[in-house]
Amino acid sequence: MSLLPHRIWSEEDWERIQLGYSAMDMDEKWNVFAEGDVVFLHRSWTGRGIFAVTFAPADGGGRRIVEAVVERDPRRYRGQDEEYDCLMLELVLSAIVLGEPACELRAALVESARRKSGDANAHAGVVLHSTLGLRSEP
């Protein structure tokens, strides 16, 4: 994946990302875990690995994503394109792992999904639930 999120993750964010996230019920779609500088994002129901993301120190502090590998087998992941994958990756880390509202990322993901499907009226809640799921509070 050559299109990567531009966000610089703070050291506090990085510490939380390294702790990962485990889906607690059926409405949650993602499990996230880290091994060293690599963070893995797997679908919770199937256990399939979708993203493997490498973080590195950023100039001025924090961490940034320097490499991301995404599953391209359409039977395993219906990723749409690099823009969509970049949004999904950042959204899972922001909204699911860190618990941020990520309103702009959510809106961008919905618009990307609508363009791809050709359904300009696809309900935002349905799009987000089917791709992102819900995050339970610990």
N, C-alpha and C. Protein backbone atom coordinates (compact mmCIF):
# COMPACT_ATOMS: atom_id res chain seq x y z
N MET A 1 0.85 -1.17 0.00
CA MET A 1 0.00 0.00 0.00
C MET A 1 0.90 1.23 0.00
N SER A 2 0.80 2.03 -1.03
CA SER A 2 1.68 3.19 -1.10
C SER A 2 1.05 4.44 -0.52
N LEU A 3 -0.27 4.47 -0.38
CA LEU A 3 -0.95 5.62 0.21
C LEU A 3 -1.07 5.38 1.71
N LEU A 4 -0.35 6.16 2.50
CA LEU A 4 -0.31 5.96 3.95
C LEU A 4 -0.91 7.16 4.67
N PRO A 5 -1.50 6.93 5.85
CA PRO A 5 -1.98 8.07 6.64
C PRO A 5 -0.82 9.02 6.96
N HIS A 6 -1.10 10.31 6.94
CA HIS A 6 -0.07 11.32 7.22
C HIS A 6 0.04 11.65 8.71
N ARG A 7 -0.85 11.13 9.49
CA ARG A 7 -0.89 11.47 10.92
C ARG A 7 0.41 11.11 11.63
N ILE A 8 0.79 12.00 12.54
CA ILE A 8 1.87 11.69 13.48
C ILE A 8 1.19 11.29 14.79
N TRP A 9 1.45 10.08 15.21
CA TRP A 9 0.83 9.54 16.43
C TRP A 9 1.73 9.93 17.60
N SER A 10 1.15 10.48 18.65
CA SER A 10 1.94 10.88 19.82
C SER A 10 2.51 9.64 20.50
N GLU A 11 3.48 9.85 21.37
CA GLU A 11 4.03 8.71 22.12
C GLU A 11 2.96 8.05 22.98
N GLU A 12 2.04 8.86 23.52
CA GLU A 12 0.93 8.29 24.29
C GLU A 12 0.03 7.44 23.39
N ASP A 13 -0.26 7.94 22.18
CA ASP A 13 -1.04 7.14 21.21
C ASP A 13 -0.32 5.83 20.92
N TRP A 14 0.97 5.91 20.67
CA TRP A 14 1.76 4.72 20.33
C TRP A 14 1.71 3.70 21.46
N GLU A 15 1.80 4.16 22.70
CA GLU A 15 1.72 3.23 23.84
C GLU A 15 0.37 2.53 23.87
N ARG A 16 -0.69 3.27 23.59
CA ARG A 16 -2.03 2.67 23.57
C ARG A 16 -2.20 1.72 22.38
N ILE A 17 -1.66 2.10 21.23
CA ILE A 17 -1.74 1.24 20.05
C ILE A 17 -1.02 -0.08 20.33
N GLN A 18 0.12 -0.01 20.99
CA GLN A 18 0.87 -1.23 21.30
C GLN A 18 0.09 -2.17 22.22
N LEU A 19 -0.81 -1.63 23.01
CA LEU A 19 -1.64 -2.47 23.88
C LEU A 19 -2.68 -3.24 23.08
N GLY A 20 -3.01 -2.74 21.88
CA GLY A 20 -3.94 -3.42 21.00
C GLY A 20 -5.38 -3.25 21.42
N TYR A 21 -6.23 -4.01 20.77
CA TYR A 21 -7.65 -3.99 21.07
C TYR A 21 -8.25 -5.33 20.68
N SER A 22 -9.08 -5.89 21.56
CA SER A 22 -9.75 -7.16 21.29
C SER A 22 -11.25 -6.93 21.26
N ALA A 23 -11.90 -7.40 20.21
CA ALA A 23 -13.35 -7.29 20.10
C ALA A 23 -14.00 -8.00 21.28
N MET A 24 -15.00 -7.36 21.85
CA MET A 24 -15.67 -7.92 23.03
C MET A 24 -17.02 -8.55 22.71
N ASP A 25 -17.56 -8.24 21.52
CA ASP A 25 -18.85 -8.84 21.15
C ASP A 25 -18.98 -8.86 19.63
N MET A 26 -20.11 -9.34 19.15
CA MET A 26 -20.29 -9.54 17.70
C MET A 26 -20.40 -8.23 16.92
N ASP A 27 -20.69 -7.13 17.59
CA ASP A 27 -20.80 -5.86 16.90
C ASP A 27 -19.45 -5.19 16.68
N GLU A 28 -18.41 -5.78 17.17
CA GLU A 28 -17.07 -5.25 16.96
C GLU A 28 -16.40 -6.06 15.85
N LYS A 29 -15.74 -5.37 14.96
CA LYS A 29 -15.24 -6.01 13.74
C LYS A 29 -13.73 -6.21 13.71
N TRP A 30 -12.98 -5.62 14.64
CA TRP A 30 -11.52 -5.62 14.53
C TRP A 30 -10.82 -6.05 15.81
N ASN A 31 -9.74 -6.81 15.62
CA ASN A 31 -8.77 -7.10 16.67
C ASN A 31 -7.46 -6.49 16.21
N VAL A 32 -6.75 -5.88 17.13
CA VAL A 32 -5.49 -5.20 16.81
C VAL A 32 -4.45 -5.63 17.82
N PHE A 33 -3.25 -5.98 17.33
CA PHE A 33 -2.15 -6.31 18.25
C PHE A 33 -0.83 -5.89 17.63
N ALA A 34 0.16 -5.71 18.49
CA ALA A 34 1.46 -5.25 18.02
C ALA A 34 2.54 -6.26 18.38
N GLU A 35 3.52 -6.34 17.51
CA GLU A 35 4.75 -7.10 17.75
C GLU A 35 5.88 -6.17 17.36
N GLY A 36 6.55 -5.61 18.36
CA GLY A 36 7.59 -4.63 18.08
C GLY A 36 7.00 -3.39 17.44
N ASP A 37 7.54 -3.00 16.30
CA ASP A 37 7.07 -1.81 15.60
C ASP A 37 5.97 -2.11 14.57
N VAL A 38 5.55 -3.36 14.49
CA VAL A 38 4.53 -3.76 13.52
C VAL A 38 3.20 -3.98 14.23
N VAL A 39 2.15 -3.37 13.69
CA VAL A 39 0.81 -3.49 14.24
C VAL A 39 -0.04 -4.26 13.23
N PHE A 40 -0.76 -5.24 13.71
CA PHE A 40 -1.59 -6.11 12.87
C PHE A 40 -3.06 -5.83 13.15
N LEU A 41 -3.83 -5.68 12.09
CA LEU A 41 -5.27 -5.47 12.20
C LEU A 41 -5.95 -6.65 11.54
N HIS A 42 -6.73 -7.40 12.33
CA HIS A 42 -7.41 -8.60 11.87
C HIS A 42 -8.92 -8.43 12.04
N ARG A 43 -9.67 -9.02 11.13
CA ARG A 43 -11.12 -9.05 11.30
C ARG A 43 -11.43 -9.97 12.46
N SER A 44 -12.32 -9.55 13.34
CA SER A 44 -12.57 -10.30 14.57
C SER A 44 -13.31 -11.61 14.34
N TRP A 45 -14.25 -11.66 13.42
CA TRP A 45 -15.04 -12.87 13.22
C TRP A 45 -14.24 -13.96 12.55
N THR A 46 -13.45 -13.59 11.54
CA THR A 46 -12.74 -14.60 10.75
C THR A 46 -11.30 -14.80 11.21
N GLY A 47 -10.75 -13.81 11.92
CA GLY A 47 -9.35 -13.86 12.32
C GLY A 47 -8.40 -13.53 11.18
N ARG A 48 -8.93 -13.18 10.04
CA ARG A 48 -8.09 -12.88 8.87
C ARG A 48 -7.32 -11.59 9.06
N GLY A 49 -6.02 -11.66 8.76
CA GLY A 49 -5.18 -10.47 8.80
C GLY A 49 -5.47 -9.60 7.59
N ILE A 50 -5.77 -8.33 7.84
CA ILE A 50 -6.07 -7.40 6.75
C ILE A 50 -4.92 -6.41 6.55
N PHE A 51 -4.40 -5.87 7.63
CA PHE A 51 -3.30 -4.91 7.55
C PHE A 51 -2.15 -5.34 8.44
N ALA A 52 -0.94 -5.09 7.98
CA ALA A 52 0.28 -5.17 8.80
C ALA A 52 0.97 -3.82 8.59
N VAL A 53 1.11 -3.06 9.66
CA VAL A 53 1.54 -1.68 9.57
C VAL A 53 2.82 -1.48 10.39
N THR A 54 3.82 -0.89 9.75
CA THR A 54 5.09 -0.63 10.44
C THR A 54 5.16 0.84 10.84
N PHE A 55 5.42 1.08 12.11
CA PHE A 55 5.59 2.42 12.65
C PHE A 55 7.08 2.70 12.86
N ALA A 56 7.46 3.96 12.74
CA ALA A 56 8.84 4.39 13.00
C ALA A 56 8.79 5.76 13.67
N PRO A 57 9.85 6.11 14.40
CA PRO A 57 9.89 7.44 15.02
C PRO A 57 9.77 8.53 13.95
N ALA A 58 9.03 9.58 14.28
CA ALA A 58 8.86 10.72 13.38
C ALA A 58 9.80 11.84 13.80
N ASP A 59 10.23 12.62 12.83
CA ASP A 59 11.04 13.79 13.15
C ASP A 59 10.22 14.69 14.07
N GLY A 60 10.82 15.13 15.15
CA GLY A 60 10.12 15.99 16.09
C GLY A 60 9.33 15.25 17.15
N GLY A 61 9.37 13.93 17.15
CA GLY A 61 8.68 13.15 18.18
C GLY A 61 7.46 12.43 17.64
N GLY A 62 7.02 11.46 18.39
CA GLY A 62 5.88 10.66 18.00
C GLY A 62 6.27 9.57 17.01
N ARG A 63 5.26 8.97 16.43
CA ARG A 63 5.44 7.88 15.48
C ARG A 63 4.60 8.14 14.24
N ARG A 64 5.08 7.59 13.13
CA ARG A 64 4.31 7.66 11.89
C ARG A 64 4.35 6.30 11.24
N ILE A 65 3.39 6.06 10.37
CA ILE A 65 3.34 4.81 9.63
C ILE A 65 4.27 4.95 8.43
N VAL A 66 5.21 4.02 8.31
CA VAL A 66 6.17 4.07 7.20
C VAL A 66 5.92 2.99 6.16
N GLU A 67 5.13 1.98 6.52
CA GLU A 67 4.81 0.92 5.57
C GLU A 67 3.52 0.25 6.00
N ALA A 68 2.72 -0.12 5.02
CA ALA A 68 1.49 -0.86 5.31
C ALA A 68 1.29 -1.89 4.21
N VAL A 69 1.02 -3.10 4.63
CA VAL A 69 0.70 -4.19 3.71
C VAL A 69 -0.78 -4.50 3.93
N VAL A 70 -1.51 -4.63 2.83
CA VAL A 70 -2.95 -4.90 2.92
C VAL A 70 -3.29 -6.17 2.14
N GLU A 71 -4.21 -6.94 2.68
CA GLU A 71 -4.69 -8.16 2.02
C GLU A 71 -5.39 -7.76 0.72
N ARG A 72 -5.05 -8.43 -0.37
CA ARG A 72 -5.65 -8.11 -1.66
C ARG A 72 -6.50 -9.24 -2.24
N ASP A 73 -6.61 -10.35 -1.54
CA ASP A 73 -7.47 -11.44 -2.00
C ASP A 73 -8.92 -11.02 -1.75
N PRO A 74 -9.72 -10.83 -2.80
CA PRO A 74 -11.09 -10.35 -2.61
C PRO A 74 -11.98 -11.31 -1.83
N ARG A 75 -11.57 -12.55 -1.68
CA ARG A 75 -12.33 -13.49 -0.86
C ARG A 75 -12.09 -13.25 0.62
N ARG A 76 -11.00 -12.57 0.94
CA ARG A 76 -10.64 -12.33 2.33
C ARG A 76 -10.92 -10.89 2.77
N TYR A 77 -10.82 -9.95 1.82
CA TYR A 77 -11.02 -8.54 2.15
C TYR A 77 -11.50 -7.82 0.91
N ARG A 78 -12.60 -7.12 1.07
CA ARG A 78 -13.17 -6.40 -0.05
C ARG A 78 -12.70 -4.95 -0.06
N GLY A 79 -11.42 -4.74 0.22
CA GLY A 79 -10.86 -3.40 0.13
C GLY A 79 -11.08 -2.87 -1.26
N GLN A 80 -11.30 -1.58 -1.33
CA GLN A 80 -11.73 -1.03 -2.60
C GLN A 80 -10.60 -0.39 -3.38
N ASP A 81 -9.76 0.32 -2.74
CA ASP A 81 -8.64 0.97 -3.39
C ASP A 81 -7.74 1.55 -2.30
N GLU A 82 -6.64 2.14 -2.69
CA GLU A 82 -5.69 2.63 -1.69
C GLU A 82 -6.26 3.76 -0.84
N GLU A 83 -7.09 4.62 -1.42
CA GLU A 83 -7.70 5.70 -0.63
C GLU A 83 -8.59 5.12 0.47
N TYR A 84 -9.42 4.16 0.08
CA TYR A 84 -10.32 3.50 1.03
C TYR A 84 -9.50 2.78 2.11
N ASP A 85 -8.48 2.03 1.70
CA ASP A 85 -7.66 1.30 2.65
C ASP A 85 -6.95 2.23 3.62
N CYS A 86 -6.45 3.36 3.13
CA CYS A 86 -5.79 4.34 3.98
C CYS A 86 -6.76 4.89 5.03
N LEU A 87 -7.97 5.21 4.59
CA LEU A 87 -9.00 5.69 5.52
C LEU A 87 -9.36 4.62 6.55
N MET A 88 -9.57 3.40 6.08
CA MET A 88 -9.94 2.31 6.98
C MET A 88 -8.86 2.07 8.02
N LEU A 89 -7.62 2.02 7.58
CA LEU A 89 -6.50 1.81 8.49
C LEU A 89 -6.46 2.88 9.57
N GLU A 90 -6.48 4.15 9.16
CA GLU A 90 -6.41 5.23 10.14
C GLU A 90 -7.65 5.23 11.04
N LEU A 91 -8.79 4.93 10.49
CA LEU A 91 -10.02 4.93 11.26
C LEU A 91 -10.04 3.83 12.32
N VAL A 92 -9.58 2.64 11.97
CA VAL A 92 -9.53 1.56 12.97
C VAL A 92 -8.60 1.95 14.12
N LEU A 93 -7.43 2.48 13.78
CA LEU A 93 -6.50 2.88 14.84
C LEU A 93 -7.06 4.02 15.69
N SER A 94 -7.67 5.01 15.03
CA SER A 94 -8.18 6.19 15.73
C SER A 94 -9.45 5.88 16.53
N ALA A 95 -10.44 5.33 15.86
CA ALA A 95 -11.75 5.14 16.48
C ALA A 95 -11.83 3.90 17.36
N ILE A 96 -11.26 2.81 16.89
CA ILE A 96 -11.38 1.55 17.64
C ILE A 96 -10.32 1.46 18.73
N VAL A 97 -9.07 1.59 18.36
CA VAL A 97 -7.99 1.41 19.34
C VAL A 97 -7.93 2.58 20.32
N LEU A 98 -7.95 3.81 19.79
CA LEU A 98 -7.79 4.98 20.65
C LEU A 98 -9.11 5.54 21.17
N GLY A 99 -10.22 5.11 20.60
CA GLY A 99 -11.53 5.57 21.07
C GLY A 99 -11.85 7.01 20.72
N GLU A 100 -11.23 7.53 19.67
CA GLU A 100 -11.48 8.91 19.24
C GLU A 100 -12.77 8.98 18.42
N PRO A 101 -13.44 10.14 18.39
CA PRO A 101 -14.65 10.26 17.58
C PRO A 101 -14.37 10.13 16.08
N ALA A 102 -13.26 10.66 15.60
CA ALA A 102 -12.82 10.54 14.20
C ALA A 102 -13.92 10.84 13.20
N CYS A 103 -14.67 11.91 13.45
CA CYS A 103 -15.84 12.25 12.60
C CYS A 103 -15.45 12.48 11.14
N GLU A 104 -14.36 13.20 10.89
CA GLU A 104 -13.95 13.47 9.50
C GLU A 104 -13.55 12.19 8.78
N LEU A 105 -12.83 11.31 9.47
CA LEU A 105 -12.44 10.04 8.86
C LEU A 105 -13.66 9.17 8.57
N ARG A 106 -14.61 9.16 9.49
CA ARG A 106 -15.84 8.37 9.28
C ARG A 106 -16.58 8.88 8.04
N ALA A 107 -16.74 10.20 7.94
CA ALA A 107 -17.45 10.78 6.79
C ALA A 107 -16.72 10.47 5.48
N ALA A 108 -15.40 10.56 5.50
CA ALA A 108 -14.62 10.27 4.28
C ALA A 108 -14.75 8.80 3.88
N LEU A 109 -14.77 7.90 4.85
CA LEU A 109 -14.93 6.48 4.55
C LEU A 109 -16.30 6.21 3.93
N VAL A 110 -17.33 6.82 4.48
CA VAL A 110 -18.68 6.64 3.94
C VAL A 110 -18.74 7.14 2.50
N GLU A 111 -18.19 8.31 2.24
CA GLU A 111 -18.20 8.85 0.87
C GLU A 111 -17.43 7.94 -0.09
N SER A 112 -16.30 7.43 0.35
CA SER A 112 -15.52 6.52 -0.49
C SER A 112 -16.32 5.26 -0.80
N ALA A 113 -16.99 4.70 0.20
CA ALA A 113 -17.80 3.49 0.00
C ALA A 113 -18.98 3.77 -0.93
N ARG A 114 -19.59 4.93 -0.78
CA ARG A 114 -20.72 5.29 -1.64
C ARG A 114 -20.28 5.42 -3.10
N ARG A 115 -19.12 6.07 -3.32
CA ARG A 115 -18.61 6.21 -4.69
C ARG A 115 -18.36 4.85 -5.31
N LYS A 116 -17.72 3.98 -4.57
CA LYS A 116 -17.36 2.66 -5.09
C LYS A 116 -18.59 1.82 -5.41
N SER A 117 -19.60 1.89 -4.52
CA SER A 117 -20.79 1.07 -4.72
C SER A 117 -21.75 1.68 -5.74
N GLY A 118 -21.60 2.97 -6.00
CA GLY A 118 -22.52 3.66 -6.90
C GLY A 118 -23.83 4.02 -6.23
N ASP A 119 -23.92 3.80 -4.92
CA ASP A 119 -25.13 4.10 -4.16
C ASP A 119 -24.90 5.35 -3.33
N ALA A 120 -25.22 6.50 -3.91
CA ALA A 120 -24.99 7.78 -3.25
C ALA A 120 -25.85 7.96 -2.01
N ASN A 121 -26.87 7.13 -1.86
CA ASN A 121 -27.78 7.25 -0.72
C ASN A 121 -27.56 6.18 0.34
N ALA A 122 -26.50 5.41 0.21
CA ALA A 122 -26.23 4.37 1.22
C ALA A 122 -26.20 5.01 2.60
N HIS A 123 -26.92 4.44 3.54
CA HIS A 123 -27.02 4.99 4.89
C HIS A 123 -25.66 4.93 5.59
N ALA A 124 -25.21 6.07 6.09
CA ALA A 124 -23.89 6.15 6.72
C ALA A 124 -23.74 5.15 7.86
N GLY A 125 -24.77 5.01 8.68
CA GLY A 125 -24.69 4.09 9.81
C GLY A 125 -24.49 2.65 9.38
N VAL A 126 -25.14 2.26 8.30
CA VAL A 126 -25.01 0.89 7.79
C VAL A 126 -23.60 0.68 7.24
N VAL A 127 -23.12 1.65 6.47
CA VAL A 127 -21.77 1.55 5.91
C VAL A 127 -20.74 1.42 7.03
N LEU A 128 -20.84 2.29 8.03
CA LEU A 128 -19.85 2.27 9.11
C LEU A 128 -19.95 1.00 9.95
N HIS A 129 -21.16 0.56 10.25
CA HIS A 129 -21.29 -0.65 11.07
C HIS A 129 -20.76 -1.87 10.34
N SER A 130 -21.03 -1.96 9.03
CA SER A 130 -20.60 -3.16 8.30
C SER A 130 -19.09 -3.21 8.12
N THR A 131 -18.43 -2.06 8.09
CA THR A 131 -16.97 -2.04 7.86
C THR A 131 -16.18 -1.85 9.15
N LEU A 132 -16.65 -0.95 9.98
CA LEU A 132 -15.90 -0.58 11.19
C LEU A 132 -16.40 -1.28 12.42
N GLY A 133 -17.72 -1.45 12.51
CA GLY A 133 -18.32 -2.04 13.70
C GLY A 133 -18.44 -1.01 14.80
N LEU A 134 -18.74 -1.48 15.97
CA LEU A 134 -18.88 -0.64 17.15
C LEU A 134 -17.71 -0.90 18.08
N ARG A 135 -17.39 0.06 18.88
CA ARG A 135 -16.34 -0.12 19.89
C ARG A 135 -17.00 -0.14 21.25
N SER A 136 -16.84 -1.23 21.98
CA SER A 136 -17.36 -1.29 23.35
C SER A 136 -16.40 -0.59 24.27
N GLU A 137 -16.95 0.05 25.27
CA GLU A 137 -16.09 0.69 26.26
C GLU A 137 -15.59 -0.37 27.23
N PRO A 138 -14.32 -0.28 27.61
CA PRO A 138 -13.76 -1.28 28.55
C PRO A 138 -14.43 -1.22 29.90
